[in-house]
Amino acid sequence: QKTWKLIRHEDDAPDALDPDRGWGEILLAAAVQGALFAA
């Protein structure tokens, strides 16, 4: 949540089913989240 706020200046990360978000934003959020959880 803190990392996403730093990257995009938004409180909420995009959801994969959010019709207002593009592929790039959704995949970026998923990659960052996956990397942080793995670490």
PDB file of all heavy atoms in Angstrom:
ATOM      1  N   GLN A   1       0.834  -1.214   0.000  1.00  0.00           N
ATOM      2  CA  GLN A   1       0.000   0.000   0.000  1.00  0.00           C
ATOM      3  C   GLN A   1       0.863   1.256   0.000  1.00  0.00           C
ATOM      4  O   GLN A   1       0.614   2.199  -0.748  1.00  0.00           O
ATOM      5  CB  GLN A   1      -0.951   0.005   1.203  1.00  0.00           C
ATOM      6  CG  GLN A   1      -2.054  -1.012   1.123  1.00  0.00           C
ATOM      7  CD  GLN A   1      -2.986  -0.779  -0.052  1.00  0.00           C
ATOM      8  OE1 GLN A   1      -3.186   0.338  -0.517  1.00  0.00           O
ATOM      9  NE2 GLN A   1      -3.555  -1.865  -0.560  1.00  0.00           N
ATOM     10  N   LYS A   2       1.906   1.267   0.826  1.00  0.00           N
ATOM     11  CA  LYS A   2       2.799   2.434   0.880  1.00  0.00           C
ATOM     12  C   LYS A   2       3.584   2.599  -0.418  1.00  0.00           C
ATOM     13  O   LYS A   2       3.764   3.706  -0.915  1.00  0.00           O
ATOM     14  CB  LYS A   2       3.744   2.328   2.071  1.00  0.00           C
ATOM     15  CG  LYS A   2       3.034   2.531   3.389  1.00  0.00           C
ATOM     16  CD  LYS A   2       3.981   2.507   4.552  1.00  0.00           C
ATOM     17  CE  LYS A   2       3.174   2.716   5.823  1.00  0.00           C
ATOM     18  NZ  LYS A   2       3.973   3.132   6.928  1.00  0.00           N
ATOM     19  N   THR A   3       4.051   1.481  -0.966  1.00  0.00           N
ATOM     20  CA  THR A   3       4.810   1.535  -2.215  1.00  0.00           C
ATOM     21  C   THR A   3       3.927   2.029  -3.358  1.00  0.00           C
ATOM     22  O   THR A   3       4.354   2.854  -4.164  1.00  0.00           O
ATOM     23  CB  THR A   3       5.396   0.148  -2.551  1.00  0.00           C
ATOM     24  OG1 THR A   3       6.215  -0.274  -1.464  1.00  0.00           O
ATOM     25  CG2 THR A   3       6.206   0.176  -3.827  1.00  0.00           C
ATOM     26  N   TRP A   4       2.698   1.527  -3.428  1.00  0.00           N
ATOM     27  CA  TRP A   4       1.793   1.953  -4.499  1.00  0.00           C
ATOM     28  C   TRP A   4       1.491   3.446  -4.381  1.00  0.00           C
ATOM     29  O   TRP A   4       1.430   4.158  -5.382  1.00  0.00           O
ATOM     30  CB  TRP A   4       0.498   1.150  -4.480  1.00  0.00           C
ATOM     31  CG  TRP A   4      -0.343   1.458  -5.673  1.00  0.00           C
ATOM     32  CD1 TRP A   4      -1.480   2.210  -5.719  1.00  0.00           C
ATOM     33  CD2 TRP A   4      -0.065   1.074  -7.025  1.00  0.00           C
ATOM     34  NE1 TRP A   4      -1.932   2.310  -7.003  1.00  0.00           N
ATOM     35  CE2 TRP A   4      -1.089   1.617  -7.828  1.00  0.00           C
ATOM     36  CE3 TRP A   4       0.937   0.329  -7.632  1.00  0.00           C
ATOM     37  CZ2 TRP A   4      -1.136   1.433  -9.206  1.00  0.00           C
ATOM     38  CZ3 TRP A   4       0.882   0.141  -9.000  1.00  0.00           C
ATOM     39  CH2 TRP A   4      -0.135   0.697  -9.769  1.00  0.00           C
ATOM     40  N   LYS A   5       1.319   3.912  -3.162  1.00  0.00           N
ATOM     41  CA  LYS A   5       1.050   5.341  -2.956  1.00  0.00           C
ATOM     42  C   LYS A   5       2.245   6.181  -3.420  1.00  0.00           C
ATOM     43  O   LYS A   5       2.067   7.244  -4.011  1.00  0.00           O
ATOM     44  CB  LYS A   5       0.728   5.616  -1.494  1.00  0.00           C
ATOM     45  CG  LYS A   5       0.178   7.000  -1.261  1.00  0.00           C
ATOM     46  CD  LYS A   5      -0.437   7.134   0.105  1.00  0.00           C
ATOM     47  CE  LYS A   5      -1.093   8.492   0.172  1.00  0.00           C
ATOM     48  NZ  LYS A   5      -2.178   8.535   1.093  1.00  0.00           N
ATOM     49  N   LEU A   6       3.460   5.700  -3.191  1.00  0.00           N
ATOM     50  CA  LEU A   6       4.657   6.407  -3.670  1.00  0.00           C
ATOM     51  C   LEU A   6       4.761   6.392  -5.193  1.00  0.00           C
ATOM     52  O   LEU A   6       5.148   7.383  -5.806  1.00  0.00           O
ATOM     53  CB  LEU A   6       5.922   5.783  -3.078  1.00  0.00           C
ATOM     54  CG  LEU A   6       6.216   6.089  -1.623  1.00  0.00           C
ATOM     55  CD1 LEU A   6       7.381   5.218  -1.134  1.00  0.00           C
ATOM     56  CD2 LEU A   6       6.547   7.560  -1.447  1.00  0.00           C
ATOM     57  N   ILE A   7       4.425   5.264  -5.796  1.00  0.00           N
ATOM     58  CA  ILE A   7       4.549   5.119  -7.249  1.00  0.00           C
ATOM     59  C   ILE A   7       3.479   5.923  -7.984  1.00  0.00           C
ATOM     60  O   ILE A   7       3.782   6.660  -8.920  1.00  0.00           O
ATOM     61  CB  ILE A   7       4.461   3.629  -7.666  1.00  0.00           C
ATOM     62  CG1 ILE A   7       5.666   2.858  -7.161  1.00  0.00           C
ATOM     63  CG2 ILE A   7       4.346   3.488  -9.180  1.00  0.00           C
ATOM     64  CD1 ILE A   7       5.549   1.359  -7.354  1.00  0.00           C
ATOM     65  N   ARG A   8       2.230   5.755  -7.584  1.00  0.00           N
ATOM     66  CA  ARG A   8       1.114   6.326  -8.345  1.00  0.00           C
ATOM     67  C   ARG A   8       0.370   7.461  -7.632  1.00  0.00           C
ATOM     68  O   ARG A   8      -0.560   8.018  -8.189  1.00  0.00           O
ATOM     69  CB  ARG A   8       0.112   5.227  -8.690  1.00  0.00           C
ATOM     70  CG  ARG A   8       0.669   4.121  -9.549  1.00  0.00           C
ATOM     71  CD  ARG A   8       0.981   4.558 -10.917  1.00  0.00           C
ATOM     72  NE  ARG A   8      -0.277   4.954 -11.536  1.00  0.00           N
ATOM     73  CZ  ARG A   8      -0.420   5.316 -12.784  1.00  0.00           C
ATOM     74  NH1 ARG A   8       0.618   5.376 -13.556  1.00  0.00           N
ATOM     75  NH2 ARG A   8      -1.587   5.653 -13.264  1.00  0.00           N
ATOM     76  N   HIS A   9       0.726   7.756  -6.399  1.00  0.00           N
ATOM     77  CA  HIS A   9       0.050   8.806  -5.618  1.00  0.00           C
ATOM     78  C   HIS A   9      -1.450   8.544  -5.498  1.00  0.00           C
ATOM     79  O   HIS A   9      -2.260   9.460  -5.553  1.00  0.00           O
ATOM     80  CB  HIS A   9       0.312  10.191  -6.217  1.00  0.00           C
ATOM     81  CG  HIS A   9       1.775  10.469  -6.404  1.00  0.00           C
ATOM     82  ND1 HIS A   9       2.627  10.667  -5.344  1.00  0.00           N
ATOM     83  CD2 HIS A   9       2.537  10.547  -7.524  1.00  0.00           C
ATOM     84  CE1 HIS A   9       3.851  10.866  -5.797  1.00  0.00           C
ATOM     85  NE2 HIS A   9       3.825  10.790  -7.120  1.00  0.00           N
ATOM     86  N   GLU A  10      -1.792   7.271  -5.361  1.00  0.00           N
ATOM     87  CA  GLU A  10      -3.180   6.834  -5.172  1.00  0.00           C
ATOM     88  C   GLU A  10      -3.251   5.975  -3.932  1.00  0.00           C
ATOM     89  O   GLU A  10      -2.305   5.255  -3.615  1.00  0.00           O
ATOM     90  CB  GLU A  10      -3.658   6.001  -6.365  1.00  0.00           C
ATOM     91  CG  GLU A  10      -3.656   6.720  -7.686  1.00  0.00           C
ATOM     92  CD  GLU A  10      -4.006   5.782  -8.845  1.00  0.00           C
ATOM     93  OE1 GLU A  10      -4.083   4.552  -8.634  1.00  0.00           O
ATOM     94  OE2 GLU A  10      -4.174   6.281  -9.951  1.00  0.00           O
ATOM     95  N   ASP A  11      -4.400   6.010  -3.252  1.00  0.00           N
ATOM     96  CA  ASP A  11      -4.559   5.178  -2.057  1.00  0.00           C
ATOM     97  C   ASP A  11      -4.840   3.723  -2.395  1.00  0.00           C
ATOM     98  O   ASP A  11      -4.456   2.829  -1.652  1.00  0.00           O
ATOM     99  CB  ASP A  11      -5.687   5.730  -1.173  1.00  0.00           C
ATOM    100  CG  ASP A  11      -5.294   7.031  -0.488  1.00  0.00           C
ATOM    101  OD1 ASP A  11      -4.085   7.216  -0.226  1.00  0.00           O
ATOM    102  OD2 ASP A  11      -6.186   7.851  -0.225  1.00  0.00           O
ATOM    103  N   ASP A  12      -5.536   3.480  -3.483  1.00  0.00           N
ATOM    104  CA  ASP A  12      -5.921   2.110  -3.835  1.00  0.00           C
ATOM    105  C   ASP A  12      -5.228   1.650  -5.107  1.00  0.00           C
ATOM    106  O   ASP A  12      -5.201   2.369  -6.115  1.00  0.00           O
ATOM    107  CB  ASP A  12      -7.437   2.017  -4.030  1.00  0.00           C
ATOM    108  CG  ASP A  12      -8.201   2.271  -2.744  1.00  0.00           C
ATOM    109  OD1 ASP A  12      -7.708   1.849  -1.680  1.00  0.00           O
ATOM    110  OD2 ASP A  12      -9.283   2.892  -2.808  1.00  0.00           O
ATOM    111  N   ALA A  13      -4.714   0.428  -5.065  1.00  0.00           N
ATOM    112  CA  ALA A  13      -4.118  -0.181  -6.250  1.00  0.00           C
ATOM    113  C   ALA A  13      -5.249  -0.671  -7.159  1.00  0.00           C
ATOM    114  O   ALA A  13      -6.351  -0.964  -6.680  1.00  0.00           O
ATOM    115  CB  ALA A  13      -3.233  -1.349  -5.837  1.00  0.00           C
ATOM    116  N   PRO A  14      -4.981  -0.776  -8.448  1.00  0.00           N
ATOM    117  CA  PRO A  14      -6.039  -1.232  -9.347  1.00  0.00           C
ATOM    118  C   PRO A  14      -6.352  -2.712  -9.152  1.00  0.00           C
ATOM    119  O   PRO A  14      -5.481  -3.513  -8.840  1.00  0.00           O
ATOM    120  CB  PRO A  14      -5.461  -0.985 -10.739  1.00  0.00           C
ATOM    121  CG  PRO A  14      -3.997  -0.998 -10.553  1.00  0.00           C
ATOM    122  CD  PRO A  14      -3.764  -0.455  -9.168  1.00  0.00           C
ATOM    123  N   ASP A  15      -7.591  -3.035  -9.334  1.00  0.00           N
ATOM    124  CA  ASP A  15      -8.049  -4.417  -9.300  1.00  0.00           C
ATOM    125  C   ASP A  15      -8.048  -4.932 -10.746  1.00  0.00           C
ATOM    126  O   ASP A  15      -8.297  -4.163 -11.681  1.00  0.00           O
ATOM    127  CB  ASP A  15      -9.465  -4.469  -8.708  1.00  0.00           C
ATOM    128  CG  ASP A  15      -9.982  -5.869  -8.607  1.00  0.00           C
ATOM    129  OD1 ASP A  15      -9.430  -6.648  -7.808  1.00  0.00           O
ATOM    130  OD2 ASP A  15     -10.934  -6.203  -9.344  1.00  0.00           O
ATOM    131  N   ALA A  16      -7.781  -6.192 -10.937  1.00  0.00           N
ATOM    132  CA  ALA A  16      -7.730  -6.760 -12.285  1.00  0.00           C
ATOM    133  C   ALA A  16      -9.065  -6.611 -13.021  1.00  0.00           C
ATOM    134  O   ALA A  16      -9.092  -6.558 -14.253  1.00  0.00           O
ATOM    135  CB  ALA A  16      -7.334  -8.226 -12.220  1.00  0.00           C
ATOM    136  N   LEU A  17     -10.167  -6.517 -12.303  1.00  0.00           N
ATOM    137  CA  LEU A  17     -11.483  -6.417 -12.934  1.00  0.00           C
ATOM    138  C   LEU A  17     -11.997  -4.982 -13.013  1.00  0.00           C
ATOM    139  O   LEU A  17     -13.149  -4.759 -13.384  1.00  0.00           O
ATOM    140  CB  LEU A  17     -12.481  -7.293 -12.181  1.00  0.00           C
ATOM    141  CG  LEU A  17     -12.135  -8.785 -12.155  1.00  0.00           C
ATOM    142  CD1 LEU A  17     -13.158  -9.561 -11.338  1.00  0.00           C
ATOM    143  CD2 LEU A  17     -12.039  -9.341 -13.560  1.00  0.00           C
ATOM    144  N   ASP A  18     -11.166  -4.016 -12.677  1.00  0.00           N
ATOM    145  CA  ASP A  18     -11.564  -2.612 -12.740  1.00  0.00           C
ATOM    146  C   ASP A  18     -11.586  -2.160 -14.202  1.00  0.00           C
ATOM    147  O   ASP A  18     -10.548  -2.093 -14.857  1.00  0.00           O
ATOM    148  CB  ASP A  18     -10.572  -1.757 -11.941  1.00  0.00           C
ATOM    149  CG  ASP A  18     -11.024  -0.327 -11.780  1.00  0.00           C
ATOM    150  OD1 ASP A  18     -11.928   0.112 -12.534  1.00  0.00           O
ATOM    151  OD2 ASP A  18     -10.466   0.363 -10.916  1.00  0.00           O
ATOM    152  N   PRO A  19     -12.778  -1.823 -14.743  1.00  0.00           N
ATOM    153  CA  PRO A  19     -12.871  -1.468 -16.164  1.00  0.00           C
ATOM    154  C   PRO A  19     -12.218  -0.120 -16.494  1.00  0.00           C
ATOM    155  O   PRO A  19     -11.928   0.153 -17.660  1.00  0.00           O
ATOM    156  CB  PRO A  19     -14.380  -1.422 -16.424  1.00  0.00           C
ATOM    157  CG  PRO A  19     -14.997  -1.161 -15.100  1.00  0.00           C
ATOM    158  CD  PRO A  19     -14.090  -1.793 -14.087  1.00  0.00           C
ATOM    159  N   ASP A  20     -11.942   0.706 -15.502  1.00  0.00           N
ATOM    160  CA  ASP A  20     -11.357   2.024 -15.738  1.00  0.00           C
ATOM    161  C   ASP A  20      -9.830   2.014 -15.748  1.00  0.00           C
ATOM    162  O   ASP A  20      -9.211   3.054 -15.933  1.00  0.00           O
ATOM    163  CB  ASP A  20     -11.855   3.012 -14.674  1.00  0.00           C
ATOM    164  CG  ASP A  20     -13.363   3.174 -14.709  1.00  0.00           C
ATOM    165  OD1 ASP A  20     -13.950   3.060 -15.819  1.00  0.00           O
ATOM    166  OD2 ASP A  20     -13.958   3.394 -13.641  1.00  0.00           O
ATOM    167  N   ARG A  21      -9.227   0.871 -15.515  1.00  0.00           N
ATOM    168  CA  ARG A  21      -7.766   0.772 -15.472  1.00  0.00           C
ATOM    169  C   ARG A  21      -7.270   0.004 -16.682  1.00  0.00           C
ATOM    170  O   ARG A  21      -7.893  -0.955 -17.131  1.00  0.00           O
ATOM    171  CB  ARG A  21      -7.291   0.061 -14.201  1.00  0.00           C
ATOM    172  CG  ARG A  21      -7.819   0.615 -12.909  1.00  0.00           C
ATOM    173  CD  ARG A  21      -7.210   1.980 -12.587  1.00  0.00           C
ATOM    174  NE  ARG A  21      -7.643   2.431 -11.277  1.00  0.00           N
ATOM    175  CZ  ARG A  21      -6.826   2.642 -10.262  1.00  0.00           C
ATOM    176  NH1 ARG A  21      -5.544   2.479 -10.392  1.00  0.00           N
ATOM    177  NH2 ARG A  21      -7.308   3.039  -9.112  1.00  0.00           N
ATOM    178  N   GLY A  22      -6.114   0.397 -17.178  1.00  0.00           N
ATOM    179  CA  GLY A  22      -5.526  -0.271 -18.336  1.00  0.00           C
ATOM    180  C   GLY A  22      -4.651  -1.448 -17.932  1.00  0.00           C
ATOM    181  O   GLY A  22      -4.302  -1.638 -16.765  1.00  0.00           O
ATOM    182  N   TRP A  23      -4.268  -2.225 -18.946  1.00  0.00           N
ATOM    183  CA  TRP A  23      -3.426  -3.400 -18.724  1.00  0.00           C
ATOM    184  C   TRP A  23      -2.107  -3.032 -18.047  1.00  0.00           C
ATOM    185  O   TRP A  23      -1.663  -3.721 -17.137  1.00  0.00           O
ATOM    186  CB  TRP A  23      -3.120  -4.088 -20.055  1.00  0.00           C
ATOM    187  CG  TRP A  23      -4.196  -5.026 -20.491  1.00  0.00           C
ATOM    188  CD1 TRP A  23      -5.156  -4.777 -21.418  1.00  0.00           C
ATOM    189  CD2 TRP A  23      -4.418  -6.348 -20.021  1.00  0.00           C
ATOM    190  NE1 TRP A  23      -5.963  -5.872 -21.555  1.00  0.00           N
ATOM    191  CE2 TRP A  23      -5.531  -6.861 -20.708  1.00  0.00           C
ATOM    192  CE3 TRP A  23      -3.780  -7.154 -19.086  1.00  0.00           C
ATOM    193  CZ2 TRP A  23      -6.021  -8.138 -20.494  1.00  0.00           C
ATOM    194  CZ3 TRP A  23      -4.263  -8.430 -18.871  1.00  0.00           C
ATOM    195  CH2 TRP A  23      -5.377  -8.904 -19.569  1.00  0.00           C
ATOM    196  N   GLY A  24      -1.464  -1.987 -18.516  1.00  0.00           N
ATOM    197  CA  GLY A  24      -0.165  -1.608 -17.972  1.00  0.00           C
ATOM    198  C   GLY A  24      -0.221  -1.325 -16.485  1.00  0.00           C
ATOM    199  O   GLY A  24       0.633  -1.778 -15.713  1.00  0.00           O
ATOM    200  N   GLU A  25      -1.232  -0.581 -16.068  1.00  0.00           N
ATOM    201  CA  GLU A  25      -1.376  -0.232 -14.653  1.00  0.00           C
ATOM    202  C   GLU A  25      -1.674  -1.463 -13.803  1.00  0.00           C
ATOM    203  O   GLU A  25      -1.112  -1.644 -12.718  1.00  0.00           O
ATOM    204  CB  GLU A  25      -2.507   0.797 -14.519  1.00  0.00           C
ATOM    205  CG  GLU A  25      -2.556   1.477 -13.193  1.00  0.00           C
ATOM    206  CD  GLU A  25      -3.599   2.577 -13.159  1.00  0.00           C
ATOM    207  OE1 GLU A  25      -4.454   2.662 -14.064  1.00  0.00           O
ATOM    208  OE2 GLU A  25      -3.541   3.351 -12.196  1.00  0.00           O
ATOM    209  N   ILE A  26      -2.526  -2.341 -14.312  1.00  0.00           N
ATOM    210  CA  ILE A  26      -2.886  -3.560 -13.577  1.00  0.00           C
ATOM    211  C   ILE A  26      -1.678  -4.489 -13.457  1.00  0.00           C
ATOM    212  O   ILE A  26      -1.392  -5.038 -12.390  1.00  0.00           O
ATOM    213  CB  ILE A  26      -4.080  -4.259 -14.255  1.00  0.00           C
ATOM    214  CG1 ILE A  26      -5.340  -3.427 -14.029  1.00  0.00           C
ATOM    215  CG2 ILE A  26      -4.252  -5.675 -13.729  1.00  0.00           C
ATOM    216  CD1 ILE A  26      -6.531  -3.857 -14.840  1.00  0.00           C
ATOM    217  N   LEU A  27      -0.939  -4.645 -14.558  1.00  0.00           N
ATOM    218  CA  LEU A  27       0.233  -5.526 -14.520  1.00  0.00           C
ATOM    219  C   LEU A  27       1.357  -4.953 -13.660  1.00  0.00           C
ATOM    220  O   LEU A  27       2.059  -5.700 -12.971  1.00  0.00           O
ATOM    221  CB  LEU A  27       0.724  -5.826 -15.935  1.00  0.00           C
ATOM    222  CG  LEU A  27      -0.236  -6.661 -16.786  1.00  0.00           C
ATOM    223  CD1 LEU A  27       0.309  -6.841 -18.192  1.00  0.00           C
ATOM    224  CD2 LEU A  27      -0.509  -8.001 -16.130  1.00  0.00           C
ATOM    225  N   LEU A  28       1.517  -3.632 -13.670  1.00  0.00           N
ATOM    226  CA  LEU A  28       2.508  -3.004 -12.801  1.00  0.00           C
ATOM    227  C   LEU A  28       2.172  -3.261 -11.336  1.00  0.00           C
ATOM    228  O   LEU A  28       3.037  -3.659 -10.545  1.00  0.00           O
ATOM    229  CB  LEU A  28       2.586  -1.497 -13.065  1.00  0.00           C
ATOM    230  CG  LEU A  28       3.488  -0.707 -12.107  1.00  0.00           C
ATOM    231  CD1 LEU A  28       4.941  -1.153 -12.250  1.00  0.00           C
ATOM    232  CD2 LEU A  28       3.343   0.788 -12.354  1.00  0.00           C
ATOM    233  N   ALA A  29       0.914  -3.067 -10.989  1.00  0.00           N
ATOM    234  CA  ALA A  29       0.488  -3.304  -9.602  1.00  0.00           C
ATOM    235  C   ALA A  29       0.706  -4.760  -9.202  1.00  0.00           C
ATOM    236  O   ALA A  29       1.200  -5.053  -8.108  1.00  0.00           O
ATOM    237  CB  ALA A  29      -0.977  -2.918  -9.422  1.00  0.00           C
ATOM    238  N   ALA A  30       0.362  -5.681 -10.104  1.00  0.00           N
ATOM    239  CA  ALA A  30       0.533  -7.106  -9.802  1.00  0.00           C
ATOM    240  C   ALA A  30       2.003  -7.469  -9.638  1.00  0.00           C
ATOM    241  O   ALA A  30       2.369  -8.238  -8.741  1.00  0.00           O
ATOM    242  CB  ALA A  30      -0.103  -7.951 -10.907  1.00  0.00           C
ATOM    243  N   ALA A  31       2.856  -6.923 -10.482  1.00  0.00           N
ATOM    244  CA  ALA A  31       4.293  -7.213 -10.406  1.00  0.00           C
ATOM    245  C   ALA A  31       4.903  -6.667  -9.119  1.00  0.00           C
ATOM    246  O   ALA A  31       5.674  -7.357  -8.443  1.00  0.00           O
ATOM    247  CB  ALA A  31       5.016  -6.638 -11.622  1.00  0.00           C
ATOM    248  N   VAL A  32       4.551  -5.445  -8.775  1.00  0.00           N
ATOM    249  CA  VAL A  32       5.077  -4.846  -7.536  1.00  0.00           C
ATOM    250  C   VAL A  32       4.585  -5.623  -6.325  1.00  0.00           C
ATOM    251  O   VAL A  32       5.361  -5.954  -5.423  1.00  0.00           O
ATOM    252  CB  VAL A  32       4.677  -3.349  -7.440  1.00  0.00           C
ATOM    253  CG1 VAL A  32       4.984  -2.789  -6.070  1.00  0.00           C
ATOM    254  CG2 VAL A  32       5.374  -2.543  -8.518  1.00  0.00           C
ATOM    255  N   GLN A  33       3.296  -5.942  -6.323  1.00  0.00           N
ATOM    256  CA  GLN A  33       2.736  -6.691  -5.199  1.00  0.00           C
ATOM    257  C   GLN A  33       3.377  -8.069  -5.074  1.00  0.00           C
ATOM    258  O   GLN A  33       3.752  -8.496  -3.985  1.00  0.00           O
ATOM    259  CB  GLN A  33       1.227  -6.828  -5.358  1.00  0.00           C
ATOM    260  CG  GLN A  33       0.551  -7.469  -4.161  1.00  0.00           C
ATOM    261  CD  GLN A  33      -0.950  -7.522  -4.314  1.00  0.00           C
ATOM    262  OE1 GLN A  33      -1.471  -7.647  -5.420  1.00  0.00           O
ATOM    263  NE2 GLN A  33      -1.653  -7.430  -3.203  1.00  0.00           N
ATOM    264  N   GLY A  34       3.543  -8.760  -6.180  1.00  0.00           N
ATOM    265  CA  GLY A  34       4.155 -10.092  -6.159  1.00  0.00           C
ATOM    266  C   GLY A  34       5.593 -10.055  -5.676  1.00  0.00           C
ATOM    267  O   GLY A  34       6.015 -10.899  -4.875  1.00  0.00           O
ATOM    268  N   ALA A  35       6.345  -9.070  -6.147  1.00  0.00           N
ATOM    269  CA  ALA A  35       7.749  -8.947  -5.729  1.00  0.00           C
ATOM    270  C   ALA A  35       7.847  -8.659  -4.236  1.00  0.00           C
ATOM    271  O   ALA A  35       8.673  -9.254  -3.531  1.00  0.00           O
ATOM    272  CB  ALA A  35       8.445  -7.853  -6.532  1.00  0.00           C
ATOM    273  N   LEU A  36       7.005  -7.761  -3.739  1.00  0.00           N
ATOM    274  CA  LEU A  36       7.043  -7.433  -2.308  1.00  0.00           C
ATOM    275  C   LEU A  36       6.634  -8.629  -1.452  1.00  0.00           C
ATOM    276  O   LEU A  36       7.270  -8.920  -0.439  1.00  0.00           O
ATOM    277  CB  LEU A  36       6.143  -6.237  -2.004  1.00  0.00           C
ATOM    278  CG  LEU A  36       6.727  -4.885  -2.362  1.00  0.00           C
ATOM    279  CD1 LEU A  36       5.673  -3.792  -2.260  1.00  0.00           C
ATOM    280  CD2 LEU A  36       7.903  -4.563  -1.470  1.00  0.00           C
ATOM    281  N   PHE A  37       5.579  -9.337  -1.844  1.00  0.00           N
ATOM    282  CA  PHE A  37       5.146 -10.498  -1.068  1.00  0.00           C
ATOM    283  C   PHE A  37       6.215 -11.586  -1.064  1.00  0.00           C
ATOM    284  O   PHE A  37       6.474 -12.203  -0.026  1.00  0.00           O
ATOM    285  CB  PHE A  37       3.811 -11.044  -1.587  1.00  0.00           C
ATOM    286  CG  PHE A  37       2.623 -10.416  -0.938  1.00  0.00           C
ATOM    287  CD1 PHE A  37       2.161  -9.187  -1.349  1.00  0.00           C
ATOM    288  CD2 PHE A  37       1.969 -11.041   0.109  1.00  0.00           C
ATOM    289  CE1 PHE A  37       1.066  -8.583  -0.743  1.00  0.00           C
ATOM    290  CE2 PHE A  37       0.880 -10.442   0.731  1.00  0.00           C
ATOM    291  CZ  PHE A  37       0.426  -9.219   0.302  1.00  0.00           C
ATOM    292  N   ALA A  38       6.854 -11.821  -2.199  1.00  0.00           N
ATOM    293  CA  ALA A  38       7.913 -12.841  -2.265  1.00  0.00           C
ATOM    294  C   ALA A  38       9.108 -12.451  -1.400  1.00  0.00           C
ATOM    295  O   ALA A  38       9.669 -13.288  -0.689  1.00  0.00           O
ATOM    296  CB  ALA A  38       8.345 -13.055  -3.708  1.00  0.00           C
ATOM    297  N   ALA A  39       9.485 -11.191  -1.455  1.00  0.00           N
ATOM    298  CA  ALA A  39      10.626 -10.734  -0.651  1.00  0.00           C
ATOM    299  C   ALA A  39      10.318 -10.822   0.837  1.00  0.00           C
ATOM    300  O   ALA A  39      11.137 -11.320   1.619  1.00  0.00           O
ATOM    301  CB  ALA A  39      11.003  -9.306  -1.036  1.00  0.00           C
TER     302      ALA A  39
END
